[in-house]
Amino acid sequence: MLFFIALLLVTGASIVFAIKKKRAVFLVLPFLSMFIYFIVQIALVPMPFFETVKFIFSLR
């Protein structure tokens, strides 16, 4: 739940800054934060990193 609230705050701040500064680069921040969260959660799995990634993407 804490991550969801933080992601909402980052998204809101990014939209405000993108509108105020008139630069679209601020809209990349929410996607970047989700990607970093995804990598951290994979790293927390007690298996080797690349085996975990292979396992996740081999699920059908």
N, C-alpha and C. Protein backbone atom coordinates (compact mmCIF):
# COMPACT_ATOMS: atom_id res chain seq x y z
N MET A 1 0.82 -1.19 0.00
CA MET A 1 0.00 0.00 0.00
C MET A 1 0.87 1.26 0.00
N LEU A 2 1.98 1.19 0.72
CA LEU A 2 2.88 2.34 0.79
C LEU A 2 3.47 2.65 -0.58
N PHE A 3 3.81 1.60 -1.34
CA PHE A 3 4.35 1.82 -2.68
C PHE A 3 3.31 2.47 -3.58
N PHE A 4 2.06 2.06 -3.46
CA PHE A 4 0.99 2.62 -4.28
C PHE A 4 0.83 4.12 -4.01
N ILE A 5 0.86 4.50 -2.74
CA ILE A 5 0.74 5.91 -2.38
C ILE A 5 1.94 6.70 -2.89
N ALA A 6 3.13 6.13 -2.74
CA ALA A 6 4.34 6.80 -3.24
C ALA A 6 4.28 6.95 -4.76
N LEU A 7 3.80 5.93 -5.45
CA LEU A 7 3.70 6.00 -6.91
C LEU A 7 2.68 7.06 -7.33
N LEU A 8 1.58 7.17 -6.59
CA LEU A 8 0.60 8.23 -6.88
C LEU A 8 1.20 9.61 -6.67
N LEU A 9 1.98 9.78 -5.61
CA LEU A 9 2.62 11.07 -5.36
C LEU A 9 3.64 11.41 -6.45
N VAL A 10 4.43 10.43 -6.86
CA VAL A 10 5.41 10.65 -7.93
C VAL A 10 4.69 11.00 -9.23
N THR A 11 3.61 10.30 -9.52
CA THR A 11 2.85 10.56 -10.75
C THR A 11 2.24 11.96 -10.72
N GLY A 12 1.63 12.31 -9.61
CA GLY A 12 1.04 13.64 -9.48
C GLY A 12 2.07 14.75 -9.60
N ALA A 13 3.20 14.58 -8.91
CA ALA A 13 4.26 15.58 -8.99
C ALA A 13 4.83 15.67 -10.41
N SER A 14 4.95 14.55 -11.08
CA SER A 14 5.46 14.54 -12.45
C SER A 14 4.53 15.29 -13.39
N ILE A 15 3.24 15.09 -13.23
CA ILE A 15 2.27 15.78 -14.08
C ILE A 15 2.33 17.29 -13.83
N VAL A 16 2.39 17.67 -12.55
CA VAL A 16 2.45 19.10 -12.22
C VAL A 16 3.71 19.73 -12.80
N PHE A 17 4.87 19.08 -12.60
CA PHE A 17 6.12 19.63 -13.14
C PHE A 17 6.12 19.66 -14.66
N ALA A 18 5.53 18.65 -15.29
CA ALA A 18 5.48 18.61 -16.75
C ALA A 18 4.65 19.76 -17.29
N ILE A 19 3.57 20.09 -16.59
CA ILE A 19 2.72 21.19 -17.04
C ILE A 19 3.39 22.54 -16.76
N LYS A 20 3.98 22.69 -15.56
CA LYS A 20 4.60 23.97 -15.20
C LYS A 20 5.84 24.26 -16.04
N LYS A 21 6.68 23.27 -16.21
CA LYS A 21 7.94 23.47 -16.93
C LYS A 21 7.80 23.27 -18.44
N LYS A 22 6.65 22.73 -18.86
CA LYS A 22 6.37 22.44 -20.28
C LYS A 22 7.44 21.54 -20.90
N ARG A 23 7.79 20.50 -20.14
CA ARG A 23 8.76 19.51 -20.60
C ARG A 23 8.18 18.12 -20.35
N ALA A 24 8.13 17.32 -21.38
CA ALA A 24 7.53 15.99 -21.29
C ALA A 24 8.44 14.97 -20.60
N VAL A 25 9.70 15.33 -20.39
CA VAL A 25 10.63 14.38 -19.78
C VAL A 25 10.21 14.01 -18.35
N PHE A 26 9.47 14.88 -17.69
CA PHE A 26 9.01 14.57 -16.33
C PHE A 26 8.00 13.43 -16.30
N LEU A 27 7.36 13.16 -17.43
CA LEU A 27 6.37 12.09 -17.47
C LEU A 27 7.01 10.70 -17.51
N VAL A 28 8.33 10.64 -17.64
CA VAL A 28 9.05 9.37 -17.64
C VAL A 28 9.24 8.85 -16.21
N LEU A 29 9.21 9.74 -15.24
CA LEU A 29 9.50 9.37 -13.84
C LEU A 29 8.58 8.28 -13.28
N PRO A 30 7.27 8.29 -13.50
CA PRO A 30 6.45 7.20 -12.97
C PRO A 30 6.82 5.84 -13.55
N PHE A 31 7.12 5.80 -14.85
CA PHE A 31 7.51 4.53 -15.47
C PHE A 31 8.87 4.07 -14.94
N LEU A 32 9.77 5.00 -14.77
CA LEU A 32 11.09 4.67 -14.24
C LEU A 32 10.99 4.14 -12.81
N SER A 33 10.15 4.75 -11.99
CA SER A 33 10.00 4.28 -10.62
C SER A 33 9.36 2.89 -10.56
N MET A 34 8.40 2.60 -11.46
CA MET A 34 7.82 1.25 -11.50
C MET A 34 8.86 0.23 -11.95
N PHE A 35 9.70 0.58 -12.90
CA PHE A 35 10.74 -0.33 -13.37
C PHE A 35 11.75 -0.62 -12.26
N ILE A 36 12.15 0.39 -11.52
CA ILE A 36 13.09 0.20 -10.41
C ILE A 36 12.46 -0.67 -9.33
N TYR A 37 11.18 -0.46 -9.02
CA TYR A 37 10.48 -1.29 -8.05
C TYR A 37 10.44 -2.75 -8.50
N PHE A 38 10.19 -2.97 -9.80
CA PHE A 38 10.16 -4.32 -10.36
C PHE A 38 11.51 -5.01 -10.20
N ILE A 39 12.59 -4.30 -10.49
CA ILE A 39 13.94 -4.88 -10.36
C ILE A 39 14.26 -5.19 -8.90
N VAL A 40 13.88 -4.31 -7.99
CA VAL A 40 14.13 -4.55 -6.56
C VAL A 40 13.36 -5.77 -6.08
N GLN A 41 12.11 -5.93 -6.50
CA GLN A 41 11.33 -7.08 -6.07
C GLN A 41 11.90 -8.39 -6.63
N ILE A 42 12.43 -8.37 -7.83
CA ILE A 42 13.08 -9.56 -8.38
C ILE A 42 14.35 -9.87 -7.60
N ALA A 43 15.09 -8.84 -7.22
CA ALA A 43 16.33 -9.05 -6.48
C ALA A 43 16.07 -9.62 -5.09
N LEU A 44 14.89 -9.42 -4.53
CA LEU A 44 14.58 -9.93 -3.20
C LEU A 44 14.26 -11.43 -3.19
N VAL A 45 14.04 -12.01 -4.35
CA VAL A 45 13.77 -13.44 -4.43
C VAL A 45 15.06 -14.20 -4.13
N PRO A 46 15.01 -15.24 -3.28
CA PRO A 46 16.24 -15.91 -2.87
C PRO A 46 16.83 -16.87 -3.92
N MET A 47 16.55 -16.64 -5.18
CA MET A 47 17.16 -17.40 -6.27
C MET A 47 18.11 -16.47 -7.01
N PRO A 48 19.03 -17.03 -7.81
CA PRO A 48 19.87 -16.14 -8.62
C PRO A 48 19.01 -15.26 -9.53
N PHE A 49 19.50 -14.05 -9.78
CA PHE A 49 18.72 -13.03 -10.47
C PHE A 49 18.25 -13.48 -11.85
N PHE A 50 19.17 -13.98 -12.69
CA PHE A 50 18.80 -14.32 -14.06
C PHE A 50 17.89 -15.55 -14.12
N GLU A 51 18.05 -16.48 -13.19
CA GLU A 51 17.14 -17.62 -13.13
C GLU A 51 15.72 -17.16 -12.76
N THR A 52 15.63 -16.19 -11.87
CA THR A 52 14.33 -15.65 -11.49
C THR A 52 13.67 -14.97 -12.68
N VAL A 53 14.43 -14.18 -13.42
CA VAL A 53 13.88 -13.49 -14.59
C VAL A 53 13.43 -14.51 -15.65
N LYS A 54 14.23 -15.54 -15.87
CA LYS A 54 13.85 -16.58 -16.84
C LYS A 54 12.57 -17.28 -16.39
N PHE A 55 12.45 -17.56 -15.08
CA PHE A 55 11.27 -18.22 -14.56
C PHE A 55 10.02 -17.35 -14.74
N ILE A 56 10.15 -16.06 -14.45
CA ILE A 56 9.01 -15.15 -14.57
C ILE A 56 8.51 -15.09 -16.01
N PHE A 57 9.42 -14.99 -16.96
CA PHE A 57 9.01 -14.83 -18.35
C PHE A 57 8.70 -16.15 -19.04
N SER A 58 9.00 -17.28 -18.38
CA SER A 58 8.66 -18.57 -18.99
C SER A 58 7.29 -19.07 -18.53
N LEU A 59 6.65 -18.38 -17.60
CA LEU A 59 5.32 -18.78 -17.14
C LEU A 59 4.29 -18.56 -18.25
N ARG A 60 3.39 -19.49 -18.38
CA ARG A 60 2.35 -19.37 -19.42
C ARG A 60 0.99 -19.57 -18.81
